[in-house]
Amino acid sequence: MVRPYRAQDADATVALLYESSGGMYDRYAGSRKLAERTISRALAREGTTASGDVVRVVEADGRVVGAMAAMAFAEWTPRAKRFLRVTLRSIPPWRWARALWLYRASGRTAPEPPTSCFYVDSLATASDWRRRGVGRALLEEAEREARRQSLRAVALDTWIDNRPARALYLSAGYEEVAYTPAVRGLPGGVSLLKEL
């Protein structure tokens, strides 16, 4: 069952969103503990790219087994800036320069999707529920929400070496529309788009 995030989903959702980043949260915060603290803080605050109001979860067997943070792309930049302001307070000051560099570098390397799209910022499935339709259910929810908001496409990004995710997105009708090279410790990426 796909449903909106609830406060009692926090622990499972934080763990899933952490896993979805391919190590980026560790680079940002410095450790898994600090990374999960930053996600938890962003999830609890309004107006971030990981706020509870933009998170959908998949519940199965009484637990959260999938999570997605997604919003109209027109909201993404202000939400990303708010995410930065909220989460910098969760990490030591000596990590701020690295966190700011990652924030700026990731924004410069990936091409912007069309403003008239719904953007999936993160999507994750619990390891014991992979290949059981959880990711596809979240993508279908993103498409429903895009249509509800009269948006013409759904966009997302992933790491170039994330073959399982790329296979899922391609099988769901997404097209790989841009590739970004690896840059100073950041892996290469691929941007995907599905016209509705």
N, C-alpha and C. Protein backbone atom coordinates (compact mmCIF):
# COMPACT_ATOMS: atom_id res chain seq x y z
N MET A 1 0.83 -1.17 0.00
CA MET A 1 0.00 0.00 0.00
C MET A 1 0.89 1.25 0.00
N VAL A 2 0.70 2.12 -0.97
CA VAL A 2 1.41 3.41 -1.01
C VAL A 2 0.55 4.42 -0.27
N ARG A 3 1.17 5.16 0.61
CA ARG A 3 0.44 6.16 1.39
C ARG A 3 1.36 7.30 1.79
N PRO A 4 0.78 8.43 2.25
CA PRO A 4 1.61 9.53 2.73
C PRO A 4 2.41 9.12 3.98
N TYR A 5 3.52 9.75 4.16
CA TYR A 5 4.37 9.55 5.33
C TYR A 5 3.62 9.97 6.59
N ARG A 6 3.86 9.24 7.68
CA ARG A 6 3.35 9.59 9.02
C ARG A 6 4.53 9.68 9.97
N ALA A 7 4.39 10.43 11.03
CA ALA A 7 5.49 10.63 11.98
C ALA A 7 6.01 9.31 12.54
N GLN A 8 5.15 8.33 12.74
CA GLN A 8 5.60 7.04 13.28
C GLN A 8 6.43 6.24 12.28
N ASP A 9 6.51 6.70 11.03
CA ASP A 9 7.33 6.05 10.01
C ASP A 9 8.78 6.55 10.01
N ALA A 10 9.10 7.47 10.90
CA ALA A 10 10.37 8.19 10.83
C ALA A 10 11.59 7.27 10.78
N ASP A 11 11.72 6.34 11.70
CA ASP A 11 12.93 5.52 11.75
C ASP A 11 13.15 4.75 10.45
N ALA A 12 12.12 4.08 9.97
CA ALA A 12 12.25 3.30 8.74
C ALA A 12 12.50 4.21 7.54
N THR A 13 11.84 5.35 7.51
CA THR A 13 11.98 6.26 6.37
C THR A 13 13.38 6.88 6.35
N VAL A 14 13.89 7.27 7.49
CA VAL A 14 15.25 7.83 7.56
C VAL A 14 16.24 6.80 7.03
N ALA A 15 16.12 5.55 7.47
CA ALA A 15 17.04 4.50 7.02
C ALA A 15 16.95 4.30 5.51
N LEU A 16 15.73 4.31 4.96
CA LEU A 16 15.56 4.12 3.52
C LEU A 16 16.12 5.30 2.73
N LEU A 17 15.83 6.52 3.15
CA LEU A 17 16.34 7.68 2.44
C LEU A 17 17.86 7.73 2.51
N TYR A 18 18.41 7.32 3.64
CA TYR A 18 19.87 7.23 3.75
C TYR A 18 20.43 6.26 2.71
N GLU A 19 19.84 5.09 2.61
CA GLU A 19 20.30 4.07 1.67
C GLU A 19 20.16 4.54 0.22
N SER A 20 19.16 5.37 -0.05
CA SER A 20 18.91 5.80 -1.43
C SER A 20 20.00 6.71 -1.98
N SER A 21 20.84 7.26 -1.11
CA SER A 21 21.78 8.29 -1.55
C SER A 21 23.08 7.76 -2.15
N GLY A 22 23.30 6.48 -2.08
CA GLY A 22 24.55 5.94 -2.62
C GLY A 22 25.80 6.52 -1.97
N GLY A 23 25.72 6.83 -0.69
CA GLY A 23 26.87 7.36 0.03
C GLY A 23 26.95 8.87 0.09
N MET A 24 26.07 9.57 -0.58
CA MET A 24 26.15 11.04 -0.59
C MET A 24 25.91 11.64 0.79
N TYR A 25 25.00 11.06 1.56
CA TYR A 25 24.78 11.61 2.90
C TYR A 25 26.01 11.45 3.77
N ASP A 26 26.75 10.35 3.62
CA ASP A 26 28.00 10.20 4.37
C ASP A 26 29.00 11.28 3.97
N ARG A 27 29.10 11.55 2.66
CA ARG A 27 30.00 12.60 2.20
C ARG A 27 29.57 13.96 2.75
N TYR A 28 28.28 14.17 2.84
CA TYR A 28 27.73 15.44 3.30
C TYR A 28 27.95 15.63 4.80
N ALA A 29 27.59 14.61 5.59
CA ALA A 29 27.59 14.77 7.04
C ALA A 29 28.84 14.23 7.72
N GLY A 30 29.50 13.25 7.12
CA GLY A 30 30.72 12.72 7.70
C GLY A 30 30.62 11.34 8.30
N SER A 31 29.41 10.88 8.64
CA SER A 31 29.22 9.54 9.18
C SER A 31 27.76 9.15 9.03
N ARG A 32 27.49 7.87 9.14
CA ARG A 32 26.10 7.41 9.05
C ARG A 32 25.25 8.03 10.15
N LYS A 33 25.78 8.07 11.37
CA LYS A 33 25.03 8.63 12.49
C LYS A 33 24.64 10.08 12.22
N LEU A 34 25.61 10.89 11.80
CA LEU A 34 25.31 12.30 11.49
C LEU A 34 24.40 12.42 10.27
N ALA A 35 24.60 11.55 9.29
CA ALA A 35 23.76 11.58 8.09
C ALA A 35 22.31 11.29 8.45
N GLU A 36 22.08 10.27 9.26
CA GLU A 36 20.70 9.95 9.65
C GLU A 36 20.10 11.07 10.49
N ARG A 37 20.92 11.74 11.29
CA ARG A 37 20.42 12.88 12.05
C ARG A 37 19.99 14.01 11.12
N THR A 38 20.76 14.25 10.05
CA THR A 38 20.38 15.31 9.12
C THR A 38 19.08 14.97 8.41
N ILE A 39 18.93 13.71 7.99
CA ILE A 39 17.70 13.30 7.31
C ILE A 39 16.51 13.43 8.25
N SER A 40 16.69 12.98 9.48
CA SER A 40 15.61 13.06 10.47
C SER A 40 15.19 14.51 10.69
N ARG A 41 16.16 15.37 10.77
CA ARG A 41 15.87 16.80 10.97
C ARG A 41 15.10 17.37 9.76
N ALA A 42 15.53 17.03 8.56
CA ALA A 42 14.85 17.53 7.35
C ALA A 42 13.45 16.95 7.23
N LEU A 43 13.27 15.70 7.60
CA LEU A 43 11.96 15.04 7.53
C LEU A 43 10.96 15.72 8.46
N ALA A 44 11.44 16.18 9.60
CA ALA A 44 10.57 16.80 10.60
C ALA A 44 10.27 18.27 10.31
N ARG A 45 11.00 18.90 9.41
CA ARG A 45 10.81 20.32 9.10
C ARG A 45 10.02 20.49 7.81
N GLU A 46 9.25 21.54 7.74
CA GLU A 46 8.51 21.84 6.52
C GLU A 46 9.43 22.50 5.50
N GLY A 47 9.12 22.28 4.24
CA GLY A 47 9.78 23.02 3.17
C GLY A 47 11.11 22.51 2.70
N THR A 48 11.53 21.28 3.09
CA THR A 48 12.78 20.73 2.59
C THR A 48 12.49 19.68 1.52
N THR A 49 13.54 19.24 0.86
CA THR A 49 13.39 18.19 -0.15
C THR A 49 13.10 16.83 0.48
N ALA A 50 13.18 16.74 1.79
CA ALA A 50 12.87 15.49 2.49
C ALA A 50 11.79 15.67 3.55
N SER A 51 11.03 16.77 3.48
CA SER A 51 9.96 17.00 4.45
C SER A 51 8.90 15.92 4.35
N GLY A 52 8.28 15.63 5.47
CA GLY A 52 7.24 14.62 5.49
C GLY A 52 6.12 14.86 4.48
N ASP A 53 5.86 16.13 4.15
CA ASP A 53 4.76 16.42 3.21
C ASP A 53 5.06 16.02 1.77
N VAL A 54 6.32 15.72 1.44
CA VAL A 54 6.66 15.29 0.08
C VAL A 54 7.11 13.82 0.04
N VAL A 55 6.96 13.14 1.17
CA VAL A 55 7.38 11.75 1.25
C VAL A 55 6.17 10.83 1.19
N ARG A 56 6.29 9.81 0.36
CA ARG A 56 5.31 8.73 0.29
C ARG A 56 6.04 7.45 0.69
N VAL A 57 5.32 6.55 1.35
CA VAL A 57 5.92 5.28 1.75
C VAL A 57 5.08 4.13 1.22
N VAL A 58 5.72 2.98 1.14
CA VAL A 58 5.02 1.74 0.85
C VAL A 58 5.01 0.93 2.14
N GLU A 59 3.83 0.54 2.55
CA GLU A 59 3.69 -0.29 3.75
C GLU A 59 3.30 -1.69 3.31
N ALA A 60 4.00 -2.68 3.85
CA ALA A 60 3.70 -4.08 3.58
C ALA A 60 4.00 -4.89 4.84
N ASP A 61 3.16 -5.83 5.14
CA ASP A 61 3.34 -6.65 6.34
C ASP A 61 3.53 -5.80 7.59
N GLY A 62 2.83 -4.66 7.64
CA GLY A 62 2.86 -3.81 8.81
C GLY A 62 4.10 -2.98 9.01
N ARG A 63 4.95 -2.89 7.97
CA ARG A 63 6.15 -2.05 8.12
C ARG A 63 6.40 -1.28 6.83
N VAL A 64 7.18 -0.22 6.96
CA VAL A 64 7.55 0.60 5.81
C VAL A 64 8.67 -0.11 5.07
N VAL A 65 8.43 -0.41 3.78
CA VAL A 65 9.42 -1.14 2.98
C VAL A 65 9.91 -0.32 1.78
N GLY A 66 9.36 0.86 1.60
CA GLY A 66 9.80 1.73 0.52
C GLY A 66 9.49 3.17 0.87
N ALA A 67 10.28 4.09 0.31
CA ALA A 67 10.05 5.52 0.55
C ALA A 67 10.48 6.32 -0.66
N MET A 68 9.77 7.41 -0.88
CA MET A 68 10.08 8.30 -2.00
C MET A 68 9.83 9.74 -1.54
N ALA A 69 10.79 10.61 -1.82
CA ALA A 69 10.61 12.05 -1.62
C ALA A 69 10.49 12.65 -3.02
N ALA A 70 9.36 13.31 -3.31
CA ALA A 70 9.12 13.84 -4.65
C ALA A 70 8.22 15.06 -4.59
N MET A 71 8.43 15.96 -5.55
CA MET A 71 7.70 17.23 -5.57
C MET A 71 7.72 17.80 -6.98
N ALA A 72 6.88 18.80 -7.22
CA ALA A 72 6.97 19.53 -8.48
C ALA A 72 8.36 20.15 -8.56
N PHE A 73 9.00 20.06 -9.72
CA PHE A 73 10.37 20.55 -9.82
C PHE A 73 10.46 22.04 -9.51
N ALA A 74 9.41 22.79 -9.77
CA ALA A 74 9.41 24.22 -9.46
C ALA A 74 9.63 24.47 -7.96
N GLU A 75 9.32 23.49 -7.11
CA GLU A 75 9.52 23.61 -5.67
C GLU A 75 10.93 23.17 -5.25
N TRP A 76 11.64 22.48 -6.12
CA TRP A 76 12.87 21.81 -5.69
C TRP A 76 13.95 22.78 -5.19
N THR A 77 14.25 23.83 -5.91
CA THR A 77 15.34 24.73 -5.51
C THR A 77 15.09 25.37 -4.15
N PRO A 78 13.93 25.96 -3.89
CA PRO A 78 13.73 26.51 -2.55
C PRO A 78 13.75 25.44 -1.46
N ARG A 79 13.25 24.26 -1.79
CA ARG A 79 13.28 23.16 -0.81
C ARG A 79 14.72 22.69 -0.56
N ALA A 80 15.54 22.64 -1.60
CA ALA A 80 16.94 22.23 -1.45
C ALA A 80 17.69 23.24 -0.59
N LYS A 81 17.42 24.52 -0.79
CA LYS A 81 18.07 25.55 0.03
C LYS A 81 17.65 25.43 1.49
N ARG A 82 16.38 25.16 1.70
CA ARG A 82 15.88 24.97 3.08
C ARG A 82 16.51 23.72 3.69
N PHE A 83 16.63 22.65 2.90
CA PHE A 83 17.29 21.43 3.37
C PHE A 83 18.69 21.76 3.87
N LEU A 84 19.41 22.53 3.10
CA LEU A 84 20.77 22.91 3.47
C LEU A 84 20.78 23.69 4.78
N ARG A 85 19.92 24.69 4.89
CA ARG A 85 19.88 25.50 6.11
C ARG A 85 19.53 24.66 7.34
N VAL A 86 18.57 23.76 7.18
CA VAL A 86 18.12 22.92 8.29
C VAL A 86 19.18 21.90 8.70
N THR A 87 19.80 21.28 7.72
CA THR A 87 20.70 20.17 8.04
C THR A 87 22.11 20.59 8.42
N LEU A 88 22.56 21.74 7.99
CA LEU A 88 23.90 22.17 8.41
C LEU A 88 24.01 22.24 9.93
N ARG A 89 22.90 22.49 10.60
CA ARG A 89 22.91 22.56 12.06
C ARG A 89 23.11 21.19 12.70
N SER A 90 22.99 20.13 11.90
CA SER A 90 23.12 18.77 12.42
C SER A 90 24.54 18.22 12.32
N ILE A 91 25.41 18.94 11.64
CA ILE A 91 26.76 18.43 11.44
C ILE A 91 27.78 19.41 12.03
N PRO A 92 28.97 18.92 12.37
CA PRO A 92 29.98 19.80 12.96
C PRO A 92 30.38 20.92 12.00
N PRO A 93 30.68 22.10 12.53
CA PRO A 93 31.04 23.24 11.68
C PRO A 93 32.21 22.97 10.74
N TRP A 94 33.16 22.13 11.15
CA TRP A 94 34.30 21.86 10.27
C TRP A 94 33.90 21.04 9.04
N ARG A 95 32.68 20.50 8.99
CA ARG A 95 32.18 19.77 7.83
C ARG A 95 31.41 20.69 6.88
N TRP A 96 31.11 21.91 7.30
CA TRP A 96 30.26 22.79 6.51
C TRP A 96 30.83 23.08 5.13
N ALA A 97 32.12 23.34 5.04
CA ALA A 97 32.71 23.67 3.73
C ALA A 97 32.52 22.51 2.76
N ARG A 98 32.76 21.29 3.22
CA ARG A 98 32.57 20.10 2.36
C ARG A 98 31.09 19.95 1.99
N ALA A 99 30.21 20.15 2.95
CA ALA A 99 28.77 20.03 2.68
C ALA A 99 28.32 21.06 1.64
N LEU A 100 28.80 22.28 1.78
CA LEU A 100 28.45 23.33 0.81
C LEU A 100 29.01 23.02 -0.56
N TRP A 101 30.24 22.49 -0.61
CA TRP A 101 30.82 22.12 -1.89
C TRP A 101 29.98 21.03 -2.56
N LEU A 102 29.58 20.00 -1.80
CA LEU A 102 28.75 18.93 -2.37
C LEU A 102 27.42 19.47 -2.88
N TYR A 103 26.82 20.35 -2.10
CA TYR A 103 25.54 20.94 -2.49
C TYR A 103 25.69 21.69 -3.81
N ARG A 104 26.71 22.52 -3.91
CA ARG A 104 26.91 23.30 -5.14
C ARG A 104 27.34 22.41 -6.31
N ALA A 105 28.24 21.48 -6.06
CA ALA A 105 28.75 20.61 -7.13
C ALA A 105 27.66 19.73 -7.70
N SER A 106 26.83 19.18 -6.85
CA SER A 106 25.77 18.31 -7.36
C SER A 106 24.74 19.11 -8.15
N GLY A 107 24.51 20.35 -7.76
CA GLY A 107 23.59 21.19 -8.51
C GLY A 107 24.13 21.62 -9.86
N ARG A 108 25.45 21.73 -9.96
CA ARG A 108 26.05 22.16 -11.23
C ARG A 108 26.24 21.02 -12.22
N THR A 109 26.44 19.80 -11.71
CA THR A 109 26.77 18.71 -12.63
C THR A 109 25.54 18.13 -13.32
N ALA A 110 24.44 18.01 -12.61
CA ALA A 110 23.24 17.42 -13.22
C ALA A 110 22.44 18.50 -13.96
N PRO A 111 22.00 18.20 -15.16
CA PRO A 111 21.18 19.17 -15.87
C PRO A 111 19.81 19.29 -15.22
N GLU A 112 19.24 20.47 -15.26
CA GLU A 112 17.91 20.66 -14.67
C GLU A 112 16.85 20.03 -15.55
N PRO A 113 15.91 19.33 -14.92
CA PRO A 113 14.79 18.81 -15.70
C PRO A 113 13.83 19.94 -16.07
N PRO A 114 12.89 19.68 -16.93
CA PRO A 114 11.91 20.73 -17.29
C PRO A 114 11.16 21.21 -16.05
N THR A 115 10.86 22.50 -16.01
CA THR A 115 10.14 23.03 -14.84
C THR A 115 8.72 22.48 -14.75
N SER A 116 8.19 21.97 -15.84
CA SER A 116 6.83 21.44 -15.84
C SER A 116 6.79 19.95 -15.50
N CYS A 117 7.76 19.49 -14.70
CA CYS A 117 7.77 18.07 -14.35
C CYS A 117 7.66 17.87 -12.85
N PHE A 118 7.35 16.65 -12.49
CA PHE A 118 7.36 16.19 -11.11
C PHE A 118 8.71 15.54 -10.91
N TYR A 119 9.40 15.87 -9.82
CA TYR A 119 10.77 15.41 -9.63
C TYR A 119 10.88 14.45 -8.46
N VAL A 120 11.41 13.28 -8.72
CA VAL A 120 11.66 12.28 -7.68
C VAL A 120 13.07 12.53 -7.15
N ASP A 121 13.16 13.09 -5.96
CA ASP A 121 14.45 13.43 -5.37
C ASP A 121 15.14 12.20 -4.80
N SER A 122 14.39 11.29 -4.23
CA SER A 122 14.97 10.04 -3.73
C SER A 122 13.90 8.96 -3.71
N LEU A 123 14.36 7.74 -3.93
CA LEU A 123 13.47 6.57 -3.95
C LEU A 123 14.28 5.38 -3.45
N ALA A 124 13.71 4.65 -2.50
CA ALA A 124 14.44 3.51 -1.93
C ALA A 124 13.49 2.39 -1.54
N THR A 125 13.98 1.18 -1.65
CA THR A 125 13.25 -0.02 -1.26
C THR A 125 14.09 -0.79 -0.26
N ALA A 126 13.46 -1.31 0.79
CA ALA A 126 14.17 -2.16 1.76
C ALA A 126 14.80 -3.34 1.02
N SER A 127 16.00 -3.70 1.42
CA SER A 127 16.74 -4.73 0.68
C SER A 127 15.97 -6.05 0.57
N ASP A 128 15.23 -6.42 1.60
CA ASP A 128 14.49 -7.69 1.53
C ASP A 128 13.18 -7.58 0.75
N TRP A 129 12.88 -6.40 0.23
CA TRP A 129 11.66 -6.22 -0.58
C TRP A 129 11.98 -5.80 -2.02
N ARG A 130 13.24 -5.82 -2.39
CA ARG A 130 13.59 -5.45 -3.76
C ARG A 130 13.09 -6.51 -4.73
N ARG A 131 12.78 -6.05 -5.94
CA ARG A 131 12.28 -6.90 -7.03
C ARG A 131 10.93 -7.51 -6.71
N ARG A 132 10.15 -6.78 -5.88
CA ARG A 132 8.81 -7.24 -5.52
C ARG A 132 7.76 -6.18 -5.81
N GLY A 133 8.12 -5.16 -6.62
CA GLY A 133 7.14 -4.17 -7.05
C GLY A 133 7.06 -2.91 -6.22
N VAL A 134 7.88 -2.78 -5.20
CA VAL A 134 7.82 -1.60 -4.33
C VAL A 134 8.26 -0.35 -5.10
N GLY A 135 9.41 -0.42 -5.77
CA GLY A 135 9.90 0.73 -6.54
C GLY A 135 8.93 1.13 -7.63
N ARG A 136 8.37 0.15 -8.31
CA ARG A 136 7.41 0.43 -9.38
C ARG A 136 6.15 1.10 -8.81
N ALA A 137 5.70 0.64 -7.64
CA ALA A 137 4.53 1.26 -7.01
C ALA A 137 4.80 2.73 -6.68
N LEU A 138 6.00 3.04 -6.22
CA LEU A 138 6.35 4.43 -5.92
C LEU A 138 6.43 5.27 -7.19
N LEU A 139 6.97 4.70 -8.26
CA LEU A 139 7.01 5.43 -9.54
C LEU A 139 5.60 5.70 -10.05
N GLU A 140 4.71 4.73 -9.91
CA GLU A 140 3.31 4.94 -10.33
C GLU A 140 2.66 6.03 -9.49
N GLU A 141 2.99 6.09 -8.22
CA GLU A 141 2.47 7.16 -7.36
C GLU A 141 3.00 8.51 -7.83
N ALA A 142 4.26 8.58 -8.21
CA ALA A 142 4.83 9.83 -8.72
C ALA A 142 4.08 10.27 -9.98
N GLU A 143 3.78 9.32 -10.85
CA GLU A 143 3.05 9.65 -12.08
C GLU A 143 1.64 10.13 -11.77
N ARG A 144 0.96 9.47 -10.81
CA ARG A 144 -0.39 9.92 -10.41
C ARG A 144 -0.34 11.34 -9.88
N GLU A 145 0.65 11.62 -9.03
CA GLU A 145 0.77 12.96 -8.45
C GLU A 145 1.10 14.00 -9.52
N ALA A 146 1.94 13.64 -10.45
CA ALA A 146 2.25 14.57 -11.55
C ALA A 146 0.98 14.91 -12.33
N ARG A 147 0.20 13.90 -12.66
CA ARG A 147 -1.06 14.15 -13.39
C ARG A 147 -2.01 15.00 -12.55
N ARG A 148 -2.09 14.71 -11.25
CA ARG A 148 -2.97 15.47 -10.37
C ARG A 148 -2.58 16.94 -10.36
N GLN A 149 -1.28 17.22 -10.47
CA GLN A 149 -0.80 18.61 -10.48
C GLN A 149 -0.70 19.17 -11.90
N SER A 150 -1.21 18.44 -12.88
CA SER A 150 -1.19 18.86 -14.29
C SER A 150 0.24 19.09 -14.79
N LEU A 151 1.17 18.25 -14.35
CA LEU A 151 2.54 18.31 -14.82
C LEU A 151 2.72 17.30 -15.94
N ARG A 152 3.60 17.60 -16.88
CA ARG A 152 3.69 16.81 -18.11
C ARG A 152 4.70 15.67 -18.10
N ALA A 153 5.51 15.59 -17.04
CA ALA A 153 6.54 14.55 -17.02
C ALA A 153 6.97 14.27 -15.59
N VAL A 154 7.67 13.15 -15.43
CA VAL A 154 8.32 12.81 -14.16
C VAL A 154 9.81 12.68 -14.46
N ALA A 155 10.64 13.29 -13.63
CA ALA A 155 12.09 13.25 -13.82
C ALA A 155 12.75 12.71 -12.55
N LEU A 156 13.92 12.13 -12.72
CA LEU A 156 14.72 11.66 -11.59
C LEU A 156 16.16 11.48 -12.05
N ASP A 157 17.04 11.30 -11.09
CA ASP A 157 18.46 11.08 -11.36
C ASP A 157 18.90 9.87 -10.56
N THR A 158 19.93 9.20 -11.05
CA THR A 158 20.56 8.12 -10.29
C THR A 158 22.03 8.06 -10.67
N TRP A 159 22.77 7.25 -9.95
CA TRP A 159 24.19 7.08 -10.28
C TRP A 159 24.33 6.20 -11.51
N ILE A 160 25.30 6.50 -12.31
CA ILE A 160 25.51 5.76 -13.56
C ILE A 160 25.75 4.28 -13.30
N ASP A 161 26.36 3.95 -12.15
CA ASP A 161 26.65 2.54 -11.86
C ASP A 161 25.54 1.82 -11.10
N ASN A 162 24.41 2.47 -10.90
CA ASN A 162 23.27 1.84 -10.21
C ASN A 162 22.41 1.10 -11.24
N ARG A 163 22.93 -0.02 -11.69
CA ARG A 163 22.26 -0.78 -12.75
C ARG A 163 20.85 -1.26 -12.39
N PRO A 164 20.62 -1.76 -11.16
CA PRO A 164 19.25 -2.18 -10.84
C PRO A 164 18.23 -1.03 -10.94
N ALA A 165 18.59 0.15 -10.43
CA ALA A 165 17.67 1.28 -10.50
C ALA A 165 17.44 1.70 -11.95
N ARG A 166 18.52 1.76 -12.72
CA ARG A 166 18.37 2.15 -14.13
C ARG A 166 17.48 1.16 -14.87
N ALA A 167 17.64 -0.12 -14.59
CA ALA A 167 16.80 -1.14 -15.25
C ALA A 167 15.33 -0.94 -14.87
N LEU A 168 15.07 -0.66 -13.60
CA LEU A 168 13.70 -0.41 -13.16
C LEU A 168 13.11 0.78 -13.90
N TYR A 169 13.85 1.89 -13.93
CA TYR A 169 13.33 3.10 -14.55
C TYR A 169 13.09 2.90 -16.06
N LEU A 170 14.01 2.25 -16.72
CA LEU A 170 13.83 2.00 -18.16
C LEU A 170 12.63 1.10 -18.41
N SER A 171 12.45 0.07 -17.58
CA SER A 171 11.31 -0.83 -17.77
C SER A 171 9.98 -0.14 -17.46
N ALA A 172 10.02 0.95 -16.68
CA ALA A 172 8.81 1.70 -16.35
C ALA A 172 8.54 2.81 -17.37
N GLY A 173 9.34 2.87 -18.43
CA GLY A 173 9.08 3.84 -19.49
C GLY A 173 9.88 5.12 -19.43
N TYR A 174 10.86 5.20 -18.56
CA TYR A 174 11.71 6.39 -18.48
C TYR A 174 12.79 6.31 -19.55
N GLU A 175 13.23 7.47 -20.01
CA GLU A 175 14.32 7.55 -20.97
C GLU A 175 15.52 8.22 -20.30
N GLU A 176 16.69 7.70 -20.59
CA GLU A 176 17.91 8.35 -20.11
C GLU A 176 18.19 9.53 -21.04
N VAL A 177 18.14 10.74 -20.47
CA VAL A 177 18.22 11.94 -21.30
C VAL A 177 19.52 12.72 -21.14
N ALA A 178 20.30 12.42 -20.09
CA ALA A 178 21.56 13.14 -19.90
C ALA A 178 22.46 12.33 -18.98
N TYR A 179 23.76 12.51 -19.20
CA TYR A 179 24.76 11.83 -18.38
C TYR A 179 25.73 12.87 -17.85
N THR A 180 26.15 12.68 -16.60
CA THR A 180 27.11 13.61 -16.02
C THR A 180 28.36 12.84 -15.62
N PRO A 181 29.52 13.42 -15.83
CA PRO A 181 30.77 12.73 -15.50
C PRO A 181 31.03 12.73 -14.00
N ALA A 182 31.88 11.83 -13.57
CA ALA A 182 32.35 11.84 -12.19
C ALA A 182 33.17 13.11 -11.98
N VAL A 183 33.00 13.75 -10.82
CA VAL A 183 33.70 14.99 -10.52
C VAL A 183 34.21 14.96 -9.09
N ARG A 184 35.52 15.03 -8.90
CA ARG A 184 36.14 15.17 -7.58
C ARG A 184 35.45 14.36 -6.49
N GLY A 185 35.38 13.07 -6.68
CA GLY A 185 34.79 12.19 -5.67
C GLY A 185 33.30 11.95 -5.82
N LEU A 186 32.64 12.69 -6.71
CA LEU A 186 31.23 12.42 -6.98
C LEU A 186 31.15 11.45 -8.14
N PRO A 187 30.36 10.38 -8.01
CA PRO A 187 30.24 9.44 -9.12
C PRO A 187 29.48 10.06 -10.30
N GLY A 188 29.61 9.48 -11.45
CA GLY A 188 28.85 9.94 -12.61
C GLY A 188 27.36 9.66 -12.41
N GLY A 189 26.56 10.42 -13.09
CA GLY A 189 25.10 10.28 -12.93
C GLY A 189 24.39 10.16 -14.25
N VAL A 190 23.13 9.81 -14.15
CA VAL A 190 22.26 9.75 -15.32
C VAL A 190 20.92 10.37 -14.95
N SER A 191 20.39 11.22 -15.82
CA SER A 191 19.09 11.84 -15.63
C SER A 191 18.08 11.13 -16.50
N LEU A 192 16.91 10.88 -15.93
CA LEU A 192 15.86 10.15 -16.64
C LEU A 192 14.58 10.97 -16.64
N LEU A 193 13.77 10.76 -17.68
CA LEU A 193 12.53 11.51 -17.83
C LEU A 193 11.47 10.61 -18.44
N LYS A 194 10.26 10.76 -17.97
CA LYS A 194 9.12 10.06 -18.56
C LYS A 194 8.04 11.09 -18.87
N GLU A 195 7.74 11.25 -20.14
CA GLU A 195 6.65 12.13 -20.55
C GLU A 195 5.33 11.43 -20.25
N LEU A 196 4.37 12.21 -19.77
CA LEU A 196 3.06 11.63 -19.44
C LEU A 196 2.02 11.98 -20.49
